[in-house]
């Protein structure tokens, strides 16, 4: 369970004296618990991952806006910590390999959006964890070859 994993990581960070990791994990846990309270039910790990991805997205947006190098470093560290809570996703190269059986259908698709749809359907049916941007890059690579 994701929340239990985060709680264990918080305790480990406290024992290690890593205040930044502890605080970052507490924020993630708090966001998940807030979503649970709002919905009145326990979130699945997948739903918890979506909450964490939202926090990561917010941090990345702030990195683009902030000029202070110390703040940027802190936000990048938080992104690294939070990303470690997410399932590992395939790289663009790994996605291209997984798409080999449907490569021709991807090339034959009317546009990149349709091609990405074919790719996502194939990858999800195989149970692969992927990020949309990475799939789009792999699809563009396949369509240009």
Protein backbone atom coordinates (compact mmCIF):
# COMPACT_ATOMS: atom_id res chain seq x y z
CA UNK A 1 0.00 0.00 0.00
CA UNK A 2 1.39 3.36 -1.05
CA UNK A 3 0.52 5.26 2.13
CA UNK A 4 2.19 2.60 4.29
CA UNK A 5 5.29 2.79 2.12
CA UNK A 6 5.38 6.59 2.49
CA UNK A 7 4.98 6.32 6.28
CA UNK A 8 7.93 3.90 6.45
CA UNK A 9 10.01 6.25 4.31
CA UNK A 10 9.11 9.16 6.62
CA UNK A 11 10.33 7.18 9.66
CA UNK A 12 13.54 6.21 7.82
CA UNK A 13 14.15 9.85 6.84
CA UNK A 14 13.59 10.95 10.44
CA UNK A 15 16.07 8.35 11.71
CA UNK A 16 18.59 9.47 9.09
CA UNK A 17 18.09 13.11 10.01
CA UNK A 18 16.99 13.97 6.48
CA UNK A 19 14.51 16.75 7.21
CA UNK A 20 13.95 17.71 3.58
CA UNK A 21 12.98 14.16 2.55
CA UNK A 22 10.82 13.79 5.67
CA UNK A 23 8.99 17.04 4.99
CA UNK A 24 8.53 16.27 1.28
CA UNK A 25 7.09 12.83 2.07
CA UNK A 26 4.80 14.31 4.73
CA UNK A 27 3.39 16.74 2.17
CA UNK A 28 2.77 13.87 -0.29
CA UNK A 29 1.09 11.80 2.42
CA UNK A 30 -1.01 14.80 3.47
CA UNK A 31 -2.14 15.39 -0.12
CA UNK A 32 -3.18 11.74 -0.46
CA UNK A 33 -5.03 11.81 2.88
CA UNK A 34 -6.77 15.05 1.89
CA UNK A 35 -7.98 13.43 -1.33
CA UNK A 36 -9.18 10.40 0.66
CA UNK A 37 -11.08 12.58 3.10
CA UNK A 38 -12.63 14.57 0.27
CA UNK A 39 -13.79 11.39 -1.50
CA UNK A 40 -14.67 9.57 1.71
CA UNK A 41 -12.73 6.46 0.70
CA UNK A 42 -9.22 5.08 0.64
CA UNK A 43 -7.40 5.79 -2.62
CA UNK A 44 -5.93 2.95 -4.64
CA UNK A 45 -2.19 3.05 -5.21
CA UNK A 46 -2.86 4.19 -8.78
CA UNK A 47 -4.99 7.09 -7.52
CA UNK A 48 -2.29 7.93 -4.96
CA UNK A 49 0.29 7.96 -7.74
CA UNK A 50 -1.91 10.43 -9.63
CA UNK A 51 -1.88 12.74 -6.60
CA UNK A 52 1.91 12.52 -6.41
CA UNK A 53 2.23 13.18 -10.16
CA UNK A 54 0.15 16.32 -9.69
CA UNK A 55 2.55 17.56 -6.99
CA UNK A 56 5.53 16.76 -9.24
CA UNK A 57 3.91 18.67 -12.11
CA UNK A 58 3.41 21.68 -9.84
CA UNK A 59 7.04 21.57 -8.75
CA UNK A 60 8.23 21.37 -12.36
CA UNK A 61 6.09 24.36 -13.27
CA UNK A 62 7.58 26.31 -10.37
CA UNK A 63 11.11 25.37 -11.48
CA UNK A 64 10.37 27.03 -14.83
CA UNK A 65 9.17 30.22 -13.10
CA UNK A 66 11.63 30.64 -10.23
CA UNK A 67 14.98 32.40 -10.65
CA UNK A 68 16.54 31.64 -7.23
CA UNK A 69 19.04 28.75 -7.64
CA UNK A 70 18.49 27.55 -4.05
CA UNK A 71 14.74 27.26 -4.59
CA UNK A 72 15.28 25.48 -7.91
CA UNK A 73 17.63 22.99 -6.24
CA UNK A 74 15.11 22.37 -3.43
CA UNK A 75 12.28 21.81 -5.92
CA UNK A 76 14.40 19.48 -8.05
CA UNK A 77 15.26 17.46 -4.94
CA UNK A 78 11.56 17.22 -4.09
CA UNK A 79 10.80 16.00 -7.62
CA UNK A 80 13.47 13.31 -7.23
CA UNK A 81 12.08 12.20 -3.86
CA UNK A 82 8.48 12.15 -5.10
CA UNK A 83 9.41 10.39 -8.35
CA UNK A 84 10.93 7.57 -6.30
CA UNK A 85 7.40 6.83 -5.03
CA UNK A 86 6.10 6.20 -8.54
CA UNK A 87 6.34 2.95 -10.49
CA UNK A 88 9.27 2.89 -12.89
CA UNK A 89 8.22 3.72 -16.43
CA UNK A 90 9.68 2.58 -19.72
CA UNK A 91 12.14 4.79 -21.60
CA UNK A 92 11.44 5.90 -25.18
CA UNK A 93 13.82 3.22 -26.48
CA UNK A 94 12.10 0.51 -24.42
CA UNK A 95 8.72 1.72 -25.66
CA UNK A 96 9.87 1.50 -29.30
CA UNK A 97 10.95 -2.11 -28.62
CA UNK A 98 7.56 -2.94 -27.05
CA UNK A 99 5.73 -1.38 -30.01
CA UNK A 100 7.45 -3.58 -32.60
CA UNK A 101 4.34 -5.79 -33.07
CA UNK A 102 2.17 -2.74 -33.89
CA UNK A 103 4.84 -0.57 -35.56
CA UNK A 104 3.21 -0.80 -38.99
CA UNK A 105 -0.20 0.21 -37.58
CA UNK A 106 1.45 3.19 -35.92
CA UNK A 107 3.11 4.25 -39.20
CA UNK A 108 -0.18 3.78 -41.09
CA UNK A 109 -2.21 5.89 -38.62
CA UNK A 110 -3.69 9.12 -40.01
CA UNK A 111 -1.87 11.40 -37.57
CA UNK A 112 0.33 11.35 -34.46
CA UNK A 113 -2.70 11.40 -32.15
CA UNK A 114 -4.18 8.28 -33.71
CA UNK A 115 -0.77 6.61 -33.73
CA UNK A 116 -0.30 7.41 -30.04
CA UNK A 117 -3.73 5.89 -29.35
CA UNK A 118 -2.66 2.64 -31.04
CA UNK A 119 0.57 2.68 -29.03
CA UNK A 120 -1.12 3.38 -25.69
CA UNK A 121 -3.68 0.62 -26.25
CA UNK A 122 -0.91 -1.87 -27.00
CA UNK A 123 1.26 -0.79 -24.06
CA UNK A 124 -1.62 -0.78 -21.55
CA UNK A 125 -2.76 -4.23 -22.68
CA UNK A 126 0.75 -5.43 -21.85
CA UNK A 127 0.56 -3.84 -18.41
CA UNK A 128 3.44 -1.45 -19.07
CA UNK A 129 3.86 1.70 -16.98
CA UNK A 130 4.49 4.59 -19.37
CA UNK A 131 4.33 8.36 -19.46
CA UNK A 132 2.32 10.00 -22.22
CA UNK A 133 5.11 12.34 -23.31
CA UNK A 134 7.55 9.46 -23.62
CA UNK A 135 5.06 7.43 -25.66
CA UNK A 136 4.50 10.43 -27.94
CA UNK A 137 8.27 10.76 -28.48
CA UNK A 138 8.56 7.02 -29.25
CA UNK A 139 5.63 7.26 -31.69
CA UNK A 140 7.24 10.23 -33.48
CA UNK A 141 10.47 8.24 -33.71
CA UNK A 142 8.66 5.23 -35.19
CA UNK A 143 6.69 7.35 -37.67
CA UNK A 144 9.82 9.14 -38.90
CA UNK A 145 11.76 5.93 -39.55
